[in-house]
Amino acid sequence: MPSYDYRCDDCSKRSIIYKTYEEYGETPVECPHCGSKNLQRIIGRIRIAKSEDARLDDLSDPSGWDFDENDPKSMAKMMRKMGNELGEDMPAEFDEVVDRLEAGEDPDNIEKDIPDLGGGDDLGF
């Protein structure tokens, strides 16, 4: 059965409501939290399947990066995008670095705190 995301305009809570295709748009929805009928449908994100080659092509074009190397938050946004495009599990240090950049921390301070950040002989670099 399909699920639909809604936000209640009265209590501001989000809900997932299950309806059959026949019910959708025909039967009224009600907030399971407060009982209000004043809900708005939230359209979720969509995903587009890309081949690995297409993802790497997107990353190889610097014009699409749109980041300021002097702004930690901008760097974090670009790093998250690259991590998502690669589609691989990143090490825990990656998330720590990006979280700290998103908080506006200076990259030099992060590098001092995590000296082995760039890899090492154990990774074959």
Protein backbone atom coordinates (compact mmCIF):
# COMPACT_ATOMS: atom_id res chain seq x y z
CA MET A 1 0.00 0.00 0.00
CA PRO A 2 1.46 3.40 -0.93
CA SER A 3 2.45 5.82 1.80
CA TYR A 4 2.04 9.58 1.62
CA ASP A 5 3.81 12.20 3.74
CA TYR A 6 1.75 14.99 5.27
CA ARG A 7 2.34 17.93 7.60
CA CYS A 8 -0.46 19.14 9.83
CA ASP A 9 -1.06 22.88 9.58
CA ASP A 10 -2.51 22.92 13.10
CA CYS A 11 0.03 20.96 15.18
CA SER A 12 2.93 21.10 12.65
CA LYS A 13 3.69 17.40 13.05
CA ARG A 14 4.63 15.21 10.13
CA SER A 15 2.84 11.95 9.47
CA ILE A 16 2.96 9.09 7.03
CA ILE A 17 -0.50 8.03 5.94
CA TYR A 18 -1.13 4.83 4.04
CA LYS A 19 -3.86 4.83 1.39
CA THR A 20 -4.69 2.67 -1.57
CA TYR A 21 -4.51 4.28 -4.99
CA GLU A 22 -8.30 4.31 -5.07
CA GLU A 23 -8.53 6.10 -1.70
CA TYR A 24 -5.95 8.79 -2.48
CA GLY A 25 -7.70 12.08 -3.28
CA GLU A 26 -11.13 10.57 -2.61
CA THR A 27 -11.15 10.07 1.16
CA PRO A 28 -10.18 12.89 3.54
CA VAL A 29 -6.99 12.62 5.58
CA GLU A 30 -6.85 13.27 9.29
CA CYS A 31 -3.87 14.07 11.48
CA PRO A 32 -3.14 11.05 13.68
CA HIS A 33 -1.68 13.39 16.35
CA CYS A 34 -4.40 16.02 16.82
CA GLY A 35 -7.28 14.85 14.60
CA SER A 36 -7.19 17.94 12.38
CA LYS A 37 -8.26 17.68 8.76
CA ASN A 38 -5.99 20.59 7.85
CA LEU A 39 -3.05 18.69 6.35
CA GLN A 40 -0.70 19.49 3.49
CA ARG A 41 0.88 16.81 1.33
CA ILE A 42 4.68 16.84 1.42
CA ILE A 43 6.33 15.69 -1.76
CA GLY A 44 9.46 13.73 -0.91
CA ARG A 45 12.78 13.82 -2.65
CA ILE A 46 13.22 11.83 -5.77
CA ARG A 47 16.23 9.80 -6.74
CA ILE A 48 17.66 9.53 -10.18
CA ALA A 49 19.60 6.42 -11.03
CA LYS A 50 22.96 7.24 -12.59
CA SER A 51 25.68 4.99 -13.80
CA GLU A 52 29.04 5.20 -12.07
CA ASP A 53 30.47 6.79 -15.21
CA ALA A 54 27.77 9.50 -15.16
CA ARG A 55 28.45 10.26 -11.49
CA LEU A 56 32.19 10.52 -12.09
CA ASP A 57 31.58 12.75 -15.12
CA ASP A 58 29.52 15.10 -12.92
CA LEU A 59 32.34 15.25 -10.37
CA SER A 60 35.01 15.87 -13.00
CA ASP A 61 33.42 19.17 -14.05
CA PRO A 62 34.57 21.85 -11.54
CA SER A 63 31.99 24.33 -12.82
CA GLY A 64 29.28 22.31 -11.08
CA TRP A 65 31.02 22.28 -7.72
CA ASP A 66 29.91 25.78 -6.69
CA PHE A 67 32.01 26.16 -3.56
CA ASP A 68 34.23 28.75 -1.90
CA GLU A 69 37.49 27.23 -0.69
CA ASN A 70 37.72 29.93 1.99
CA ASP A 71 34.32 29.06 3.50
CA PRO A 72 34.29 25.89 5.67
CA LYS A 73 30.51 25.47 5.29
CA SER A 74 30.82 25.66 1.51
CA MET A 75 33.62 23.08 1.60
CA ALA A 76 31.48 20.78 3.73
CA LYS A 77 28.59 21.03 1.27
CA MET A 78 30.89 20.11 -1.62
CA MET A 79 32.42 17.22 0.34
CA ARG A 80 28.97 15.81 1.19
CA LYS A 81 27.99 16.06 -2.47
CA MET A 82 31.15 14.25 -3.55
CA GLY A 83 30.67 11.58 -0.88
CA ASN A 84 27.08 11.00 -2.00
CA GLU A 85 28.04 10.87 -5.66
CA LEU A 86 30.72 8.27 -5.01
CA GLY A 87 28.10 6.05 -3.41
CA GLU A 88 30.60 4.33 -1.14
CA ASP A 89 30.76 4.09 2.64
CA MET A 90 33.09 6.77 3.89
CA PRO A 91 35.23 6.35 7.01
CA ALA A 92 34.01 7.83 10.30
CA GLU A 93 36.66 10.55 10.05
CA PHE A 94 34.97 11.84 6.90
CA ASP A 95 31.71 12.51 8.75
CA GLU A 96 33.58 14.09 11.65
CA VAL A 97 35.46 16.44 9.35
CA VAL A 98 32.36 17.43 7.39
CA ASP A 99 30.34 17.96 10.57
CA ARG A 100 33.05 20.24 11.93
CA LEU A 101 33.28 22.16 8.65
CA GLU A 102 29.48 22.59 8.64
CA ALA A 103 29.80 24.10 12.11
CA GLY A 104 32.20 26.65 10.60
CA GLU A 105 35.41 25.30 12.14
CA ASP A 106 38.71 26.25 10.52
CA PRO A 107 40.08 23.41 8.32
CA ASP A 108 43.59 23.97 9.71
CA ASN A 109 42.35 23.27 13.25
CA ILE A 110 40.63 20.10 12.08
CA GLU A 111 43.82 18.95 10.37
CA LYS A 112 45.82 19.56 13.57
CA ASP A 113 43.31 17.52 15.62
CA ILE A 114 43.32 14.62 13.15
CA PRO A 115 46.92 14.38 11.89
CA ASP A 116 46.46 11.13 9.93
CA LEU A 117 43.55 12.58 7.98
CA GLY A 118 45.09 12.34 4.53
CA GLY A 119 45.81 8.64 4.84
CA GLY A 120 49.12 7.06 5.46
CA ASP A 121 51.35 4.20 4.48
CA ASP A 122 48.77 1.71 5.74
CA LEU A 123 46.40 2.86 2.97
CA GLY A 124 49.01 2.60 0.25
CA PHE A 125 49.25 6.32 -0.61
